[in-house]
Protein backbone atom coordinates (compact mmCIF):
# COMPACT_ATOMS: atom_id res chain seq x y z
CA MET A 1 -35.33 -6.17 7.91
CA GLU A 2 -36.86 -6.11 4.27
CA GLY A 3 -35.18 -3.87 2.10
CA LEU A 4 -31.95 -4.62 3.01
CA ASN A 5 -29.42 -6.47 0.56
CA TYR A 6 -26.80 -8.10 3.03
CA ARG A 7 -24.34 -8.77 0.89
CA ASP A 8 -24.05 -5.16 -0.70
CA LEU A 9 -23.89 -4.16 3.35
CA VAL A 10 -21.17 -6.81 4.01
CA GLU A 11 -19.18 -5.35 1.00
CA LYS A 12 -19.67 -2.04 1.54
CA VAL A 13 -18.37 -2.10 5.27
CA ILE A 14 -15.43 -4.49 4.01
CA ASN A 15 -14.67 -1.90 1.29
CA GLN A 16 -14.86 1.03 3.66
CA HIS A 17 -12.01 -0.63 5.89
CA ALA A 18 -9.78 -1.71 2.88
CA GLY A 19 -10.38 2.29 1.51
CA GLU A 20 -8.89 3.01 5.27
CA GLN A 21 -5.83 1.34 4.91
CA SER A 22 -2.53 3.51 4.27
CA GLU A 23 -0.68 3.64 0.64
CA GLU A 24 1.83 1.63 1.42
CA ASP A 25 -0.62 -1.22 3.23
CA LYS A 26 -2.90 -1.00 0.46
CA GLU A 27 -0.72 -2.95 -2.08
CA THR A 28 -0.73 -5.93 0.57
CA THR A 29 -4.42 -5.85 0.84
CA GLU A 30 -6.78 -8.12 -0.75
CA ILE A 31 -10.49 -8.21 -1.15
CA VAL A 32 -12.23 -11.44 -1.32
CA PHE A 33 -15.78 -11.82 -2.23
CA ASP A 34 -17.38 -15.31 -2.88
CA ARG A 35 -21.21 -14.58 -3.75
CA ASP A 36 -22.04 -18.12 -4.44
CA ARG A 37 -21.00 -19.09 -1.07
CA ASP A 38 -21.60 -15.94 0.85
CA ARG A 39 -17.86 -15.72 2.35
CA TYR A 40 -16.26 -12.04 2.62
CA LEU A 41 -12.65 -11.56 3.51
CA LEU A 42 -10.21 -8.52 3.79
CA LEU A 43 -6.78 -10.26 3.67
CA ASN A 44 -3.21 -9.11 4.59
CA VAL A 45 -1.02 -10.88 2.00
CA GLY A 46 2.82 -9.78 1.27
CA TRP A 47 6.13 -9.15 2.93
CA HIS A 48 7.57 -6.81 4.92
CA ASP A 49 11.36 -6.47 4.35
CA GLU A 50 11.98 -10.71 4.86
CA GLU A 51 8.95 -11.54 7.38
CA ARG A 52 5.87 -12.51 5.43
CA MET A 53 2.99 -11.04 6.41
CA TYR A 54 -0.80 -13.14 6.19
CA GLY A 55 -3.39 -11.96 8.32
CA CYS A 56 -7.43 -11.89 8.10
CA PRO A 57 -8.88 -9.10 10.11
CA ILE A 58 -12.46 -9.28 8.62
CA HIS A 59 -13.92 -12.62 7.72
CA ILE A 60 -18.08 -12.59 7.35
CA ASP A 61 -20.11 -15.42 6.07
CA ILE A 62 -24.20 -14.90 5.29
CA LYS A 63 -26.07 -17.96 6.43
CA GLU A 64 -29.70 -19.01 6.66
CA GLY A 65 -30.25 -15.18 6.03
CA LYS A 66 -28.12 -14.30 9.19
CA ILE A 67 -24.71 -12.28 9.05
CA TRP A 68 -21.95 -13.93 10.82
CA ILE A 69 -18.78 -12.33 11.89
CA GLN A 70 -16.41 -15.02 11.74
CA ARG A 71 -13.32 -12.77 12.81
CA ASP A 72 -13.35 -8.74 13.25
CA PHE A 73 -9.78 -7.35 14.28
CA THR A 74 -11.69 -3.43 13.69
CA GLU A 75 -11.69 -1.01 16.34
CA GLU A 76 -15.13 0.10 16.37
CA GLY A 77 -16.41 -3.43 15.42
CA LEU A 78 -18.27 -4.81 12.61
CA ALA A 79 -21.63 -5.26 14.29
CA ASN A 80 -21.96 -1.96 15.17
CA GLN A 81 -21.19 -0.77 11.93
CA LEU A 82 -23.59 -2.97 10.77
CA ILE A 83 -26.45 -2.17 12.68
CA GLU A 84 -25.79 1.49 11.68
CA LEU A 85 -27.07 0.61 8.53
CA GLY A 86 -29.93 -0.60 9.84
CA VAL A 87 -29.45 -4.76 10.63
CA PRO A 88 -31.21 -5.76 13.48
CA LYS A 89 -29.06 -7.54 16.31
CA THR A 90 -31.53 -10.51 15.73
CA ASP A 91 -29.51 -10.97 12.47
CA ILE A 92 -26.48 -10.95 13.28
CA VAL A 93 -24.20 -13.78 14.68
CA LEU A 94 -20.99 -13.40 16.63
CA GLY A 95 -19.58 -16.31 15.30
CA PHE A 96 -16.17 -15.73 16.83
CA ARG A 97 -17.60 -16.23 20.14
CA ALA A 98 -18.16 -19.77 22.10
CA PRO A 99 -21.99 -20.98 20.90
CA TYR A 100 -23.02 -21.23 25.01
CA VAL A 101 -21.71 -17.42 25.49
CA ARG A 102 -23.46 -15.93 22.30
CA GLN A 103 -26.68 -16.01 24.66
CA PHE A 104 -25.24 -12.94 26.43
CA THR A 105 -24.01 -10.38 23.45
CA GLY A 106 -27.63 -9.29 23.01
CA PHE A 107 -26.85 -10.79 19.45
CA ALA A 108 -28.28 -13.80 17.63
CA ILE A 109 -27.39 -17.17 19.16
CA ALA A 110 -26.80 -19.03 15.44
């Protein structure tokens, strides 16, 4: 769809999720935007008492004009949020799904 800047939309969605963290969790939340390689991540890095925390609840890539959702541990689903922002389903790839399953998702295959 013309006029949509996928980089800006992906960053908006990730910033929104980062902003929804509790004050305590914000200290361990990291946002990584690599516009040169079109990789966008939300990370949780830190310590809870004596236990190391490391997780990546959101990982999105932009490849060949399509948004590839590589990891989605959100309640509402990143694809749904992107659709609400005007991204067509044909430009969203559920990269966390096996290639043979993608044909049944209603989203782009690749």
